């Protein structure tokens, strides 16, 4: 349904290169990437950006041509999705059902997303989790052939996250192809049947995903690799996505956590290593460990933090430390 071939695009400090993705009907792919990379990729798919190289096809048709005639068949839930705050959930759904011109039972969609019992509530009164589900409900009205979803469960409450995942699975079972992006590693492997990491180095397949462990719709509560979804989805913490600052001469550079290979503490200075280059950082190793704990980083030694997604092999070095 969605095919990306040899995609290359450079914009400001963001680079996509050698991207090959194929999402068949009824399949889902999730990608761990920065917000900027996600926005660039989505804009390329939707024809808002022109590729430097490569091609994008939707249902066998070049994306720019497909979108001209079939945009209504593409569902898009962005990270920051504006809603009509003064409408109730029900009036909002009726409004878009009329615009889309289909005969889908919006009440069934609301029921599936645990919103029907509060359908008469104004959107302005809803929690963040409820608003995200309203955005998803709106796109479900389209009965989309392709769904693009940025951050489906980031900062969601447990019940909301489970509802989102179940509805994504339900769409897949109906033949929808789903593309998901997230800044969090654990969210990436939790949702997609296939999972990848995308950064300046290209697209890398991630193991430990739902396809490998056979996590079907009816098993969504079991989570991944035996870890319950209650542990994978936080119910009481809000993730603040912070870039890590480093100072070079009189300039301050900001790096996304997923760009970092490892961090070494030397004489009180935290040195951040990215693609073989060293960047000094004034933040202590302990504080960096706390900031990066949700991004797949591990304190393998009192002087080192490593990005586990960059590690191929772990060797026990001493009783409490490891080499990689």
C-alpha atoms as a PDB file:
ATOM      1  CA  UNK A   1       0.000   0.000   0.000  1.00  0.00           C
ATOM      2  CA  UNK A   2       2.850   2.379   0.887  1.00  0.00           C
ATOM      3  CA  UNK A   3       6.150   1.882  -0.898  1.00  0.00           C
ATOM      4  CA  UNK A   4       9.180   4.115  -0.433  1.00  0.00           C
ATOM      5  CA  UNK A   5      12.174   3.459  -2.708  1.00  0.00           C
ATOM      6  CA  UNK A   6      15.640   4.938  -2.276  1.00  0.00           C
ATOM      7  CA  UNK A   7      14.342   8.068  -0.576  1.00  0.00           C
ATOM      8  CA  UNK A   8      16.832  10.869   0.047  1.00  0.00           C
ATOM      9  CA  UNK A   9      16.032  14.296   1.418  1.00  0.00           C
ATOM     10  CA  UNK A  10      18.129  16.901   3.190  1.00  0.00           C
ATOM     11  CA  UNK A  11      16.470  19.860   4.886  1.00  0.00           C
ATOM     12  CA  UNK A  12      18.274  22.104   7.331  1.00  0.00           C
ATOM     13  CA  UNK A  13      20.028  19.691   9.732  1.00  0.00           C
ATOM     14  CA  UNK A  14      17.747  16.730   8.979  1.00  0.00           C
ATOM     15  CA  UNK A  15      18.745  14.038   6.516  1.00  0.00           C
ATOM     16  CA  UNK A  16      16.827  11.058   5.181  1.00  0.00           C
ATOM     17  CA  UNK A  17      18.932   8.745   3.050  1.00  0.00           C
ATOM     18  CA  UNK A  18      18.533   5.369   1.422  1.00  0.00           C
ATOM     19  CA  UNK A  19      15.056   4.844   2.862  1.00  0.00           C
ATOM     20  CA  UNK A  20      13.260   1.736   1.615  1.00  0.00           C
ATOM     21  CA  UNK A  21       9.935   0.910   3.274  1.00  0.00           C
ATOM     22  CA  UNK A  22       7.136  -1.339   2.082  1.00  0.00           C
ATOM     23  CA  UNK A  23       3.887  -1.514   4.070  1.00  0.00           C
ATOM     24  CA  UNK A  24       1.378  -3.954   2.624  1.00  0.00           C
ATOM     25  CA  UNK A  25      -2.354  -3.751   3.224  1.00  0.00           C
ATOM     26  CA  UNK A  26      -3.201  -4.925   6.730  1.00  0.00           C
ATOM     27  CA  UNK A  27       0.334  -4.388   8.053  1.00  0.00           C
ATOM     28  CA  UNK A  28       1.801  -1.826  10.431  1.00  0.00           C
ATOM     29  CA  UNK A  29       5.299  -0.373  10.645  1.00  0.00           C
ATOM     30  CA  UNK A  30       6.543   1.799  13.496  1.00  0.00           C
ATOM     31  CA  UNK A  31       9.624   3.996  13.292  1.00  0.00           C
ATOM     32  CA  UNK A  32      11.648   5.455  16.136  1.00  0.00           C
ATOM     33  CA  UNK A  33      12.897   8.866  15.061  1.00  0.00           C
ATOM     34  CA  UNK A  34      13.138  12.484  16.143  1.00  0.00           C
ATOM     35  CA  UNK A  35      10.175  14.823  15.806  1.00  0.00           C
ATOM     36  CA  UNK A  36      11.920  16.690  12.995  1.00  0.00           C
ATOM     37  CA  UNK A  37      12.642  13.518  11.029  1.00  0.00           C
ATOM     38  CA  UNK A  38       9.058  12.342  11.547  1.00  0.00           C
ATOM     39  CA  UNK A  39       7.663  15.645  10.262  1.00  0.00           C
ATOM     40  CA  UNK A  40       9.931  15.540   7.228  1.00  0.00           C
ATOM     41  CA  UNK A  41       8.978  11.949   6.387  1.00  0.00           C
ATOM     42  CA  UNK A  42       5.244  12.619   6.774  1.00  0.00           C
ATOM     43  CA  UNK A  43       5.455  15.751   4.622  1.00  0.00           C
ATOM     44  CA  UNK A  44       7.271  13.791   1.925  1.00  0.00           C
ATOM     45  CA  UNK A  45       4.609  11.073   1.920  1.00  0.00           C
ATOM     46  CA  UNK A  46       1.805  13.655   1.770  1.00  0.00           C
ATOM     47  CA  UNK A  47       3.455  15.524  -1.094  1.00  0.00           C
ATOM     48  CA  UNK A  48       4.207  18.658   0.935  1.00  0.00           C
ATOM     49  CA  UNK A  49       7.936  18.169   0.346  1.00  0.00           C
ATOM     50  CA  UNK A  50       9.687  17.042  -2.836  1.00  0.00           C
ATOM     51  CA  UNK A  51      12.253  14.221  -2.462  1.00  0.00           C
ATOM     52  CA  UNK A  52      15.859  14.921  -3.364  1.00  0.00           C
ATOM     53  CA  UNK A  53      16.024  11.372  -4.716  1.00  0.00           C
ATOM     54  CA  UNK A  54      13.794   8.329  -4.701  1.00  0.00           C
ATOM     55  CA  UNK A  55      10.103   7.661  -5.134  1.00  0.00           C
ATOM     56  CA  UNK A  56       7.015   7.206  -2.972  1.00  0.00           C
ATOM     57  CA  UNK A  57       4.018   5.162  -4.096  1.00  0.00           C
ATOM     58  CA  UNK A  58       0.603   4.784  -2.482  1.00  0.00           C
ATOM     59  CA  UNK A  59      -1.472   1.851  -3.701  1.00  0.00           C
ATOM     60  CA  UNK A  60       0.820   1.543  -6.719  1.00  0.00           C
ATOM     61  CA  UNK A  61       0.395   5.193  -7.742  1.00  0.00           C
ATOM     62  CA  UNK A  62       2.988   7.931  -7.318  1.00  0.00           C
ATOM     63  CA  UNK A  63       2.116   9.743  -4.098  1.00  0.00           C
ATOM     64  CA  UNK A  64       1.690  13.185  -5.672  1.00  0.00           C
ATOM     65  CA  UNK A  65      -0.858  11.795  -8.141  1.00  0.00           C
ATOM     66  CA  UNK A  66      -2.630   9.619  -5.575  1.00  0.00           C
ATOM     67  CA  UNK A  67      -3.116  12.475  -3.126  1.00  0.00           C
ATOM     68  CA  UNK A  68      -4.752  14.712  -5.743  1.00  0.00           C
ATOM     69  CA  UNK A  69      -7.668  12.293  -6.090  1.00  0.00           C
ATOM     70  CA  UNK A  70      -7.602  10.109  -2.985  1.00  0.00           C
ATOM     71  CA  UNK A  71      -6.560  12.219  -0.001  1.00  0.00           C
ATOM     72  CA  UNK A  72      -9.800  11.247   1.749  1.00  0.00           C
ATOM     73  CA  UNK A  73      -8.546   7.652   1.901  1.00  0.00           C
ATOM     74  CA  UNK A  74      -5.505   8.639   3.979  1.00  0.00           C
ATOM     75  CA  UNK A  75      -5.891   9.066   7.726  1.00  0.00           C
ATOM     76  CA  UNK A  76      -3.428  11.417   9.415  1.00  0.00           C
ATOM     77  CA  UNK A  77      -3.119  11.965  13.171  1.00  0.00           C
ATOM     78  CA  UNK A  78      -0.334  14.429  13.853  1.00  0.00           C
ATOM     79  CA  UNK A  79       1.587  14.873  17.078  1.00  0.00           C
ATOM     80  CA  UNK A  80      -0.081  18.228  17.630  1.00  0.00           C
ATOM     81  CA  UNK A  81      -3.568  17.866  16.227  1.00  0.00           C
ATOM     82  CA  UNK A  82      -5.935  20.841  16.398  1.00  0.00           C
ATOM     83  CA  UNK A  83      -9.550  20.154  17.403  1.00  0.00           C
ATOM     84  CA  UNK A  84     -12.668  22.303  17.496  1.00  0.00           C
ATOM     85  CA  UNK A  85     -12.638  22.873  21.234  1.00  0.00           C
ATOM     86  CA  UNK A  86     -16.140  24.374  21.492  1.00  0.00           C
ATOM     87  CA  UNK A  87     -17.813  21.349  19.921  1.00  0.00           C
ATOM     88  CA  UNK A  88     -18.917  18.264  21.803  1.00  0.00           C
ATOM     89  CA  UNK A  89     -17.380  14.961  20.773  1.00  0.00           C
ATOM     90  CA  UNK A  90     -20.625  13.896  19.091  1.00  0.00           C
ATOM     91  CA  UNK A  91     -21.149  17.136  17.152  1.00  0.00           C
ATOM     92  CA  UNK A  92     -17.493  17.008  16.060  1.00  0.00           C
ATOM     93  CA  UNK A  93     -17.893  13.473  14.739  1.00  0.00           C
ATOM     94  CA  UNK A  94     -21.178  14.310  12.979  1.00  0.00           C
ATOM     95  CA  UNK A  95     -19.523  17.335  11.377  1.00  0.00           C
ATOM     96  CA  UNK A  96     -16.686  15.293   9.900  1.00  0.00           C
ATOM     97  CA  UNK A  97     -18.953  12.400   8.936  1.00  0.00           C
ATOM     98  CA  UNK A  98     -20.869  14.879   6.759  1.00  0.00           C
ATOM     99  CA  UNK A  99     -17.642  16.256   5.274  1.00  0.00           C
ATOM    100  CA  UNK A 100     -16.274  12.810   4.451  1.00  0.00           C
ATOM    101  CA  UNK A 101     -19.655  11.798   3.054  1.00  0.00           C
ATOM    102  CA  UNK A 102     -19.594   8.214   4.233  1.00  0.00           C
ATOM    103  CA  UNK A 103     -22.125   6.194   6.174  1.00  0.00           C
ATOM    104  CA  UNK A 104     -19.863   4.865   8.897  1.00  0.00           C
ATOM    105  CA  UNK A 105     -21.548   4.518  12.284  1.00  0.00           C
ATOM    106  CA  UNK A 106     -19.611   7.078  14.282  1.00  0.00           C
ATOM    107  CA  UNK A 107     -21.099   5.808  17.537  1.00  0.00           C
ATOM    108  CA  UNK A 108     -19.434   2.426  17.009  1.00  0.00           C
ATOM    109  CA  UNK A 109     -16.119   4.209  16.509  1.00  0.00           C
ATOM    110  CA  UNK A 110     -16.632   6.208  19.699  1.00  0.00           C
ATOM    111  CA  UNK A 111     -17.538   3.030  21.564  1.00  0.00           C
ATOM    112  CA  UNK A 112     -14.350   1.346  20.363  1.00  0.00           C
ATOM    113  CA  UNK A 113     -12.281   4.253  21.637  1.00  0.00           C
ATOM    114  CA  UNK A 114     -14.096   4.511  24.994  1.00  0.00           C
ATOM    115  CA  UNK A 115     -15.630   7.887  24.113  1.00  0.00           C
ATOM    116  CA  UNK A 116     -19.323   7.144  23.614  1.00  0.00           C
ATOM    117  CA  UNK A 117     -20.269   7.622  27.264  1.00  0.00           C
ATOM    118  CA  UNK A 118     -18.808  11.154  27.208  1.00  0.00           C
ATOM    119  CA  UNK A 119     -19.986  12.048  23.685  1.00  0.00           C
ATOM    120  CA  UNK A 120     -21.904  15.098  24.942  1.00  0.00           C
ATOM    121  CA  UNK A 121     -18.811  16.568  26.600  1.00  0.00           C
ATOM    122  CA  UNK A 122     -17.148  19.614  25.058  1.00  0.00           C
ATOM    123  CA  UNK A 123     -13.731  18.849  23.634  1.00  0.00           C
ATOM    124  CA  UNK A 124     -12.251  21.705  25.677  1.00  0.00           C
ATOM    125  CA  UNK A 125     -13.119  19.757  28.839  1.00  0.00           C
ATOM    126  CA  UNK A 126     -11.339  16.565  27.783  1.00  0.00           C
ATOM    127  CA  UNK A 127      -8.025  15.216  29.052  1.00  0.00           C
ATOM    128  CA  UNK A 128      -5.019  14.917  26.745  1.00  0.00           C
ATOM    129  CA  UNK A 129      -5.613  11.166  26.363  1.00  0.00           C
ATOM    130  CA  UNK A 130      -9.265  11.683  25.442  1.00  0.00           C
ATOM    131  CA  UNK A 131      -8.401  14.366  22.874  1.00  0.00           C
ATOM    132  CA  UNK A 132      -5.916  12.036  21.186  1.00  0.00           C
ATOM    133  CA  UNK A 133      -8.628   9.407  20.906  1.00  0.00           C
ATOM    134  CA  UNK A 134     -11.020  11.966  19.399  1.00  0.00           C
ATOM    135  CA  UNK A 135      -8.406  12.757  16.730  1.00  0.00           C
ATOM    136  CA  UNK A 136      -8.070   9.055  15.968  1.00  0.00           C
ATOM    137  CA  UNK A 137     -11.864   8.613  15.911  1.00  0.00           C
ATOM    138  CA  UNK A 138     -12.141  11.390  13.312  1.00  0.00           C
ATOM    139  CA  UNK A 139      -9.650   9.642  11.022  1.00  0.00           C
ATOM    140  CA  UNK A 140     -11.395   6.294  11.494  1.00  0.00           C
ATOM    141  CA  UNK A 141     -14.471   7.865   9.884  1.00  0.00           C
ATOM    142  CA  UNK A 142     -12.545   7.818   6.599  1.00  0.00           C
ATOM    143  CA  UNK A 143     -12.103   4.031   6.712  1.00  0.00           C
ATOM    144  CA  UNK A 144      -8.573   4.835   5.538  1.00  0.00           C
ATOM    145  CA  UNK A 145      -6.505   2.669   3.247  1.00  0.00           C
ATOM    146  CA  UNK A 146      -3.408   4.237   4.808  1.00  0.00           C
ATOM    147  CA  UNK A 147      -3.100   5.645   8.330  1.00  0.00           C
ATOM    148  CA  UNK A 148      -0.186   7.838   9.408  1.00  0.00           C
ATOM    149  CA  UNK A 149      -0.004   8.283  13.178  1.00  0.00           C
ATOM    150  CA  UNK A 150       2.584  10.363  15.053  1.00  0.00           C
ATOM    151  CA  UNK A 151       3.054   9.460  18.733  1.00  0.00           C
ATOM    152  CA  UNK A 152      -0.032   7.257  19.230  1.00  0.00           C
ATOM    153  CA  UNK A 153       0.563   6.530  22.919  1.00  0.00           C
ATOM    154  CA  UNK A 154       3.107   9.077  24.153  1.00  0.00           C
ATOM    155  CA  UNK A 155       1.927  10.440  27.522  1.00  0.00           C
ATOM    156  CA  UNK A 156      -1.345   8.508  27.267  1.00  0.00           C
ATOM    157  CA  UNK A 157      -2.990   6.934  30.291  1.00  0.00           C
ATOM    158  CA  UNK A 158      -3.038   3.131  30.367  1.00  0.00           C
ATOM    159  CA  UNK A 159      -6.636   2.633  29.240  1.00  0.00           C
ATOM    160  CA  UNK A 160      -6.224   5.175  26.466  1.00  0.00           C
ATOM    161  CA  UNK A 161      -3.030   3.522  25.216  1.00  0.00           C
ATOM    162  CA  UNK A 162      -4.648   0.082  25.169  1.00  0.00           C
ATOM    163  CA  UNK A 163      -7.630   1.509  23.289  1.00  0.00           C
ATOM    164  CA  UNK A 164      -5.369   3.120  20.679  1.00  0.00           C
ATOM    165  CA  UNK A 165      -3.366  -0.077  20.145  1.00  0.00           C
ATOM    166  CA  UNK A 166      -6.504  -2.198  19.833  1.00  0.00           C
ATOM    167  CA  UNK A 167      -7.978   0.201  17.280  1.00  0.00           C
ATOM    168  CA  UNK A 168      -4.784   0.211  15.223  1.00  0.00           C
ATOM    169  CA  UNK A 169      -4.894  -3.589  15.206  1.00  0.00           C
ATOM    170  CA  UNK A 170      -8.564  -3.476  14.227  1.00  0.00           C
ATOM    171  CA  UNK A 171      -7.780  -1.218  11.272  1.00  0.00           C
ATOM    172  CA  UNK A 172      -5.011  -3.569  10.181  1.00  0.00           C
ATOM    173  CA  UNK A 173      -7.388  -6.525  10.323  1.00  0.00           C
ATOM    174  CA  UNK A 174      -9.658  -4.559   7.955  1.00  0.00           C
ATOM    175  CA  UNK A 175      -6.823  -4.073   5.458  1.00  0.00           C
ATOM    176  CA  UNK A 176      -5.483  -0.645   6.429  1.00  0.00           C
ATOM    177  CA  UNK A 177      -1.732  -0.067   6.147  1.00  0.00           C
ATOM    178  CA  UNK A 178      -0.430   1.836   9.172  1.00  0.00           C
ATOM    179  CA  UNK A 179       2.723   3.939   9.556  1.00  0.00           C
ATOM    180  CA  UNK A 180       3.598   5.020  13.105  1.00  0.00           C
ATOM    181  CA  UNK A 181       6.394   7.275  14.328  1.00  0.00           C
ATOM    182  CA  UNK A 182       7.592   7.804  17.893  1.00  0.00           C
ATOM    183  CA  UNK A 183      10.544   9.281  19.729  1.00  0.00           C
ATOM    184  CA  UNK A 184      10.423   6.454  22.287  1.00  0.00           C
ATOM    185  CA  UNK A 185      11.979   3.055  21.662  1.00  0.00           C
ATOM    186  CA  UNK A 186       9.511   1.197  23.868  1.00  0.00           C
ATOM    187  CA  UNK A 187       6.498   2.757  22.129  1.00  0.00           C
ATOM    188  CA  UNK A 188       7.987   1.851  18.761  1.00  0.00           C
ATOM    189  CA  UNK A 189       8.346  -1.841  19.541  1.00  0.00           C
ATOM    190  CA  UNK A 190       5.010  -1.939  21.357  1.00  0.00           C
ATOM    191  CA  UNK A 191       2.807  -0.839  18.465  1.00  0.00           C
ATOM    192  CA  UNK A 192       4.165  -1.846  15.070  1.00  0.00           C
ATOM    193  CA  UNK A 193       4.252  -5.348  13.622  1.00  0.00           C
ATOM    194  CA  UNK A 194       7.665  -4.309  12.297  1.00  0.00           C
ATOM    195  CA  UNK A 195       9.843  -1.708  13.978  1.00  0.00           C
ATOM    196  CA  UNK A 196      12.707   0.456  12.765  1.00  0.00           C
ATOM    197  CA  UNK A 197      14.970   3.261  13.911  1.00  0.00           C
ATOM    198  CA  UNK A 198      15.502   6.167  11.499  1.00  0.00           C
ATOM    199  CA  UNK A 199      18.242   8.756  11.883  1.00  0.00           C
ATOM    200  CA  UNK A 200      20.956  10.401   9.814  1.00  0.00           C
ATOM    201  CA  UNK A 201      22.597   6.997   9.408  1.00  0.00           C
ATOM    202  CA  UNK A 202      19.544   5.568   7.671  1.00  0.00           C
ATOM    203  CA  UNK A 203      16.858   3.027   8.485  1.00  0.00           C
ATOM    204  CA  UNK A 204      17.738   0.148  10.833  1.00  0.00           C
ATOM    205  CA  UNK A 205      15.475  -2.760  11.737  1.00  0.00           C
ATOM    206  CA  UNK A 206      14.751  -3.178  15.453  1.00  0.00           C
ATOM    207  CA  UNK A 207      14.309  -6.587  17.017  1.00  0.00           C
ATOM    208  CA  UNK A 208      12.089  -7.388  20.005  1.00  0.00           C
ATOM    209  CA  UNK A 209       8.977  -6.201  18.181  1.00  0.00           C
ATOM    210  CA  UNK A 210       5.412  -7.517  18.235  1.00  0.00           C
ATOM    211  CA  UNK A 211       5.783  -9.545  15.051  1.00  0.00           C
ATOM    212  CA  UNK A 212       8.725 -11.495  16.469  1.00  0.00           C
ATOM    213  CA  UNK A 213       6.914 -12.267  19.697  1.00  0.00           C
ATOM    214  CA  UNK A 214       3.535 -12.980  18.141  1.00  0.00           C
ATOM    215  CA  UNK A 215       1.607 -10.302  20.023  1.00  0.00           C
ATOM    216  CA  UNK A 216      -1.859 -10.492  18.493  1.00  0.00           C
ATOM    217  CA  UNK A 217      -4.822  -8.196  19.084  1.00  0.00           C
ATOM    218  CA  UNK A 218      -6.299 -10.372  21.816  1.00  0.00           C
ATOM    219  CA  UNK A 219      -2.911 -10.477  23.571  1.00  0.00           C
ATOM    220  CA  UNK A 220      -2.284  -6.744  23.621  1.00  0.00           C
ATOM    221  CA  UNK A 221      -2.525  -6.637  27.428  1.00  0.00           C
ATOM    222  CA  UNK A 222       0.455  -9.017  27.633  1.00  0.00           C
ATOM    223  CA  UNK A 223       2.753  -6.413  26.102  1.00  0.00           C
ATOM    224  CA  UNK A 224       6.078  -7.431  24.564  1.00  0.00           C
ATOM    225  CA  UNK A 225       8.547 -10.164  25.517  1.00  0.00           C
ATOM    226  CA  UNK A 226       6.540 -11.040  28.608  1.00  0.00           C
ATOM    227  CA  UNK A 227       6.502  -7.455  29.897  1.00  0.00           C
ATOM    228  CA  UNK A 228       2.915  -6.379  30.632  1.00  0.00           C
ATOM    229  CA  UNK A 229       1.635  -3.313  28.841  1.00  0.00           C
ATOM    230  CA  UNK A 230       1.092  -1.788  32.297  1.00  0.00           C
ATOM    231  CA  UNK A 231       4.888  -1.652  32.612  1.00  0.00           C
ATOM    232  CA  UNK A 232       5.477  -0.500  29.034  1.00  0.00           C
ATOM    233  CA  UNK A 233       2.901   2.283  29.173  1.00  0.00           C
ATOM    234  CA  UNK A 234       3.427   4.714  32.025  1.00  0.00           C
ATOM    235  CA  UNK A 235       0.280   5.806  33.823  1.00  0.00           C
ATOM    236  CA  UNK A 236       1.778   8.457  36.033  1.00  0.00           C
ATOM    237  CA  UNK A 237       4.690  10.033  34.188  1.00  0.00           C
ATOM    238  CA  UNK A 238       4.779  12.559  31.373  1.00  0.00           C
ATOM    239  CA  UNK A 239       7.748  12.246  29.048  1.00  0.00           C
ATOM    240  CA  UNK A 240       9.382  15.558  28.271  1.00  0.00           C
ATOM    241  CA  UNK A 241      11.333  15.145  25.061  1.00  0.00           C
ATOM    242  CA  UNK A 242      14.517  17.124  25.644  1.00  0.00           C
ATOM    243  CA  UNK A 243      17.461  17.541  23.361  1.00  0.00           C
ATOM    244  CA  UNK A 244      20.884  17.234  24.957  1.00  0.00           C
ATOM    245  CA  UNK A 245      22.974  20.444  24.781  1.00  0.00           C
ATOM    246  CA  UNK A 246      26.708  20.438  24.073  1.00  0.00           C
ATOM    247  CA  UNK A 247      28.977  23.455  23.745  1.00  0.00           C
ATOM    248  CA  UNK A 248      31.457  23.894  20.907  1.00  0.00           C
ATOM    249  CA  UNK A 249      33.467  27.118  21.215  1.00  0.00           C
ATOM    250  CA  UNK A 250      30.798  29.814  21.492  1.00  0.00           C
ATOM    251  CA  UNK A 251      28.035  27.681  19.992  1.00  0.00           C
ATOM    252  CA  UNK A 252      25.543  25.376  21.675  1.00  0.00           C
ATOM    253  CA  UNK A 253      24.426  22.341  19.676  1.00  0.00           C
ATOM    254  CA  UNK A 254      21.320  20.328  20.536  1.00  0.00           C
ATOM    255  CA  UNK A 255      21.237  16.577  19.868  1.00  0.00           C
ATOM    256  CA  UNK A 256      18.309  14.188  19.878  1.00  0.00           C
ATOM    257  CA  UNK A 257      18.837  11.263  22.279  1.00  0.00           C
ATOM    258  CA  UNK A 258      18.598   8.712  19.466  1.00  0.00           C
ATOM    259  CA  UNK A 259      21.636  10.319  17.760  1.00  0.00           C
ATOM    260  CA  UNK A 260      23.906   9.508  20.718  1.00  0.00           C
ATOM    261  CA  UNK A 261      26.106   6.387  20.601  1.00  0.00           C
ATOM    262  CA  UNK A 262      27.465   6.525  24.148  1.00  0.00           C
ATOM    263  CA  UNK A 263      28.547   8.925  26.893  1.00  0.00           C
ATOM    264  CA  UNK A 264      31.813   8.837  28.842  1.00  0.00           C
ATOM    265  CA  UNK A 265      32.589  10.714  32.039  1.00  0.00           C
ATOM    266  CA  UNK A 266      36.182  11.966  32.209  1.00  0.00           C
ATOM    267  CA  UNK A 267      37.447  14.283  34.963  1.00  0.00           C
ATOM    268  CA  UNK A 268      33.954  15.516  35.725  1.00  0.00           C
ATOM    269  CA  UNK A 269      33.080  16.223  32.076  1.00  0.00           C
ATOM    270  CA  UNK A 270      30.467  14.168  30.245  1.00  0.00           C
ATOM    271  CA  UNK A 271      31.714  13.496  26.717  1.00  0.00           C
ATOM    272  CA  UNK A 272      28.977  12.598  24.256  1.00  0.00           C
ATOM    273  CA  UNK A 273      30.007  10.457  21.285  1.00  0.00           C
ATOM    274  CA  UNK A 274      28.054  10.752  18.053  1.00  0.00           C
ATOM    275  CA  UNK A 275      29.202   9.103  14.810  1.00  0.00           C
ATOM    276  CA  UNK A 276      32.773   8.909  16.086  1.00  0.00           C
ATOM    277  CA  UNK A 277      32.955  12.550  17.218  1.00  0.00           C
ATOM    278  CA  UNK A 278      33.286  13.705  20.829  1.00  0.00           C
ATOM    279  CA  UNK A 279      31.242  16.582  22.234  1.00  0.00           C
ATOM    280  CA  UNK A 280      31.704  17.868  25.817  1.00  0.00           C
ATOM    281  CA  UNK A 281      28.550  18.361  27.873  1.00  0.00           C
ATOM    282  CA  UNK A 282      28.215  20.166  31.206  1.00  0.00           C
ATOM    283  CA  UNK A 283      25.378  17.918  32.427  1.00  0.00           C
ATOM    284  CA  UNK A 284      26.536  15.275  34.908  1.00  0.00           C
ATOM    285  CA  UNK A 285      26.449  11.604  33.972  1.00  0.00           C
ATOM    286  CA  UNK A 286      23.854  10.943  36.687  1.00  0.00           C
ATOM    287  CA  UNK A 287      21.538  13.643  35.316  1.00  0.00           C
ATOM    288  CA  UNK A 288      22.047  12.377  31.768  1.00  0.00           C
ATOM    289  CA  UNK A 289      21.179   8.871  32.914  1.00  0.00           C
ATOM    290  CA  UNK A 290      17.893  10.184  34.327  1.00  0.00           C
ATOM    291  CA  UNK A 291      17.077  12.181  31.190  1.00  0.00           C
ATOM    292  CA  UNK A 292      17.820   9.285  28.860  1.00  0.00           C
ATOM    293  CA  UNK A 293      16.286   6.393  30.795  1.00  0.00           C
ATOM    294  CA  UNK A 294      13.232   6.187  28.509  1.00  0.00           C
ATOM    295  CA  UNK A 295      15.286   6.139  25.314  1.00  0.00           C
ATOM    296  CA  UNK A 296      16.986   2.749  25.661  1.00  0.00           C
ATOM    297  CA  UNK A 297      20.183   3.879  27.421  1.00  0.00           C
ATOM    298  CA  UNK A 298      22.017   1.750  29.998  1.00  0.00           C
ATOM    299  CA  UNK A 299      24.615   2.656  32.645  1.00  0.00           C
ATOM    300  CA  UNK A 300      27.084  -0.156  31.991  1.00  0.00           C
ATOM    301  CA  UNK A 301      29.819   1.346  34.193  1.00  0.00           C
ATOM    302  CA  UNK A 302      30.104   4.237  36.624  1.00  0.00           C
ATOM    303  CA  UNK A 303      31.761   6.237  33.829  1.00  0.00           C
ATOM    304  CA  UNK A 304      29.731   5.093  30.818  1.00  0.00           C
ATOM    305  CA  UNK A 305      26.170   5.234  29.510  1.00  0.00           C
ATOM    306  CA  UNK A 306      25.490   3.420  26.234  1.00  0.00           C
ATOM    307  CA  UNK A 307      22.660   3.547  23.738  1.00  0.00           C
ATOM    308  CA  UNK A 308      21.587  -0.112  23.671  1.00  0.00           C
ATOM    309  CA  UNK A 309      20.151   0.312  20.197  1.00  0.00           C
ATOM    310  CA  UNK A 310      23.728   0.806  18.951  1.00  0.00           C
ATOM    311  CA  UNK A 311      25.094  -2.271  20.750  1.00  0.00           C
ATOM    312  CA  UNK A 312      25.742  -5.560  18.913  1.00  0.00           C
ATOM    313  CA  UNK A 313      27.342  -7.593  21.720  1.00  0.00           C
ATOM    314  CA  UNK A 314      27.578  -7.364  25.508  1.00  0.00           C
ATOM    315  CA  UNK A 315      30.509  -8.955  27.363  1.00  0.00           C
ATOM    316  CA  UNK A 316      30.760  -9.169  31.157  1.00  0.00           C
ATOM    317  CA  UNK A 317      33.876  -7.182  32.073  1.00  0.00           C
ATOM    318  CA  UNK A 318      33.718  -7.188  35.847  1.00  0.00           C
ATOM    319  CA  UNK A 319      30.959  -8.142  38.242  1.00  0.00           C
ATOM    320  CA  UNK A 320      29.154  -4.827  37.857  1.00  0.00           C
ATOM    321  CA  UNK A 321      30.283  -3.522  34.479  1.00  0.00           C
ATOM    322  CA  UNK A 322      30.169  -4.537  30.830  1.00  0.00           C
ATOM    323  CA  UNK A 323      32.103  -4.077  27.611  1.00  0.00           C
ATOM    324  CA  UNK A 324      30.371  -3.631  24.269  1.00  0.00           C
END
